[in-house]
């Protein structure tokens, strides 16, 4: 009889792999704020988000135009 089954061992290893980076980063919690780079990260994320929203709005307008053209052609 095995003491641990394979899924239990995999779960333990997964939990340790998830918690290890958090333990290692505790000393550097405010590194991004201290160096002022957190604002660069926030800016980049904001630009990416704005770009995605802009792309979706453009795509919606194009699809609406195509739908109107199809409806006009069918009439």
C-alpha atoms as a PDB file:
ATOM      1  CA  UNK A   1       0.000   0.000   0.000  1.00  0.00           C
ATOM      2  CA  UNK A   2       1.376   3.370  -0.971  1.00  0.00           C
ATOM      3  CA  UNK A   3       1.493   6.156   1.577  1.00  0.00           C
ATOM      4  CA  UNK A   4       0.751   8.842  -1.004  1.00  0.00           C
ATOM      5  CA  UNK A   5      -1.147   8.451  -4.187  1.00  0.00           C
ATOM      6  CA  UNK A   6       0.063  10.186  -7.326  1.00  0.00           C
ATOM      7  CA  UNK A   7      -2.684  12.873  -7.442  1.00  0.00           C
ATOM      8  CA  UNK A   8      -1.935  13.856  -3.857  1.00  0.00           C
ATOM      9  CA  UNK A   9       1.778  14.254  -4.601  1.00  0.00           C
ATOM     10  CA  UNK A  10       1.018  16.304  -7.707  1.00  0.00           C
ATOM     11  CA  UNK A  11      -1.319  18.544  -5.705  1.00  0.00           C
ATOM     12  CA  UNK A  12       1.327  19.125  -3.044  1.00  0.00           C
ATOM     13  CA  UNK A  13       3.947  19.964  -5.678  1.00  0.00           C
ATOM     14  CA  UNK A  14       1.534  22.314  -7.430  1.00  0.00           C
ATOM     15  CA  UNK A  15       0.724  24.174  -4.216  1.00  0.00           C
ATOM     16  CA  UNK A  16       4.417  24.515  -3.390  1.00  0.00           C
ATOM     17  CA  UNK A  17       5.193  25.796  -6.891  1.00  0.00           C
ATOM     18  CA  UNK A  18       2.452  28.400  -6.562  1.00  0.00           C
ATOM     19  CA  UNK A  19       3.530  29.602  -3.123  1.00  0.00           C
ATOM     20  CA  UNK A  20       7.291  29.654  -3.768  1.00  0.00           C
ATOM     21  CA  UNK A  21       7.411  32.868  -5.858  1.00  0.00           C
ATOM     22  CA  UNK A  22       5.300  34.653  -3.256  1.00  0.00           C
ATOM     23  CA  UNK A  23       7.740  33.681  -0.525  1.00  0.00           C
ATOM     24  CA  UNK A  24      10.753  34.776  -2.543  1.00  0.00           C
ATOM     25  CA  UNK A  25       9.219  38.136  -3.497  1.00  0.00           C
ATOM     26  CA  UNK A  26       8.359  39.242   0.036  1.00  0.00           C
ATOM     27  CA  UNK A  27      11.618  41.151   0.409  1.00  0.00           C
ATOM     28  CA  UNK A  28      11.054  43.061  -2.835  1.00  0.00           C
ATOM     29  CA  UNK A  29       7.434  44.083  -2.326  1.00  0.00           C
ATOM     30  CA  UNK A  30       7.944  47.802  -2.853  1.00  0.00           C
ATOM     31  CA  UNK A  31      10.731  47.588  -5.420  1.00  0.00           C
ATOM     32  CA  UNK A  32       8.502  48.713  -8.293  1.00  0.00           C
ATOM     33  CA  UNK A  33       7.105  51.605  -6.268  1.00  0.00           C
ATOM     34  CA  UNK A  34      10.480  52.709  -4.958  1.00  0.00           C
ATOM     35  CA  UNK A  35      11.995  52.878  -8.406  1.00  0.00           C
ATOM     36  CA  UNK A  36       8.896  54.502  -9.939  1.00  0.00           C
ATOM     37  CA  UNK A  37       8.483  51.724 -12.487  1.00  0.00           C
ATOM     38  CA  UNK A  38       5.039  50.772 -11.236  1.00  0.00           C
ATOM     39  CA  UNK A  39       3.654  53.754 -13.125  1.00  0.00           C
ATOM     40  CA  UNK A  40       5.278  52.521 -16.324  1.00  0.00           C
ATOM     41  CA  UNK A  41       3.672  49.111 -15.846  1.00  0.00           C
ATOM     42  CA  UNK A  42       0.269  50.677 -15.158  1.00  0.00           C
ATOM     43  CA  UNK A  43       0.666  52.905 -18.219  1.00  0.00           C
ATOM     44  CA  UNK A  44       1.504  49.985 -20.490  1.00  0.00           C
ATOM     45  CA  UNK A  45      -1.434  47.949 -19.186  1.00  0.00           C
ATOM     46  CA  UNK A  46      -3.710  50.949 -19.688  1.00  0.00           C
ATOM     47  CA  UNK A  47      -2.482  51.449 -23.272  1.00  0.00           C
ATOM     48  CA  UNK A  48      -3.048  47.780 -24.071  1.00  0.00           C
ATOM     49  CA  UNK A  49      -6.554  47.937 -22.602  1.00  0.00           C
ATOM     50  CA  UNK A  50      -7.402  51.109 -24.555  1.00  0.00           C
ATOM     51  CA  UNK A  51      -6.064  49.493 -27.734  1.00  0.00           C
ATOM     52  CA  UNK A  52      -8.227  46.415 -27.251  1.00  0.00           C
ATOM     53  CA  UNK A  53     -11.330  48.520 -26.583  1.00  0.00           C
ATOM     54  CA  UNK A  54     -10.607  50.704 -29.650  1.00  0.00           C
ATOM     55  CA  UNK A  55     -10.157  47.585 -31.815  1.00  0.00           C
ATOM     56  CA  UNK A  56     -13.435  46.074 -30.580  1.00  0.00           C
ATOM     57  CA  UNK A  57     -15.353  49.299 -31.236  1.00  0.00           C
ATOM     58  CA  UNK A  58     -13.911  49.503 -34.775  1.00  0.00           C
ATOM     59  CA  UNK A  59     -14.743  45.856 -35.389  1.00  0.00           C
ATOM     60  CA  UNK A  60     -18.302  46.379 -34.160  1.00  0.00           C
ATOM     61  CA  UNK A  61     -18.785  49.339 -36.519  1.00  0.00           C
ATOM     62  CA  UNK A  62     -17.483  47.336 -39.475  1.00  0.00           C
ATOM     63  CA  UNK A  63     -19.728  44.386 -38.658  1.00  0.00           C
ATOM     64  CA  UNK A  64     -22.730  46.687 -38.307  1.00  0.00           C
ATOM     65  CA  UNK A  65     -22.004  48.162 -41.752  1.00  0.00           C
ATOM     66  CA  UNK A  66     -21.721  44.676 -43.272  1.00  0.00           C
ATOM     67  CA  UNK A  67     -25.008  43.635 -41.630  1.00  0.00           C
ATOM     68  CA  UNK A  68     -26.740  46.708 -43.057  1.00  0.00           C
ATOM     69  CA  UNK A  69     -25.341  45.963 -46.524  1.00  0.00           C
ATOM     70  CA  UNK A  70     -26.577  42.360 -46.327  1.00  0.00           C
ATOM     71  CA  UNK A  71     -30.026  43.501 -45.224  1.00  0.00           C
ATOM     72  CA  UNK A  72     -30.193  46.032 -48.078  1.00  0.00           C
ATOM     73  CA  UNK A  73     -29.119  43.395 -50.617  1.00  0.00           C
ATOM     74  CA  UNK A  74     -31.797  40.961 -49.420  1.00  0.00           C
ATOM     75  CA  UNK A  75     -34.584  43.541 -49.817  1.00  0.00           C
END
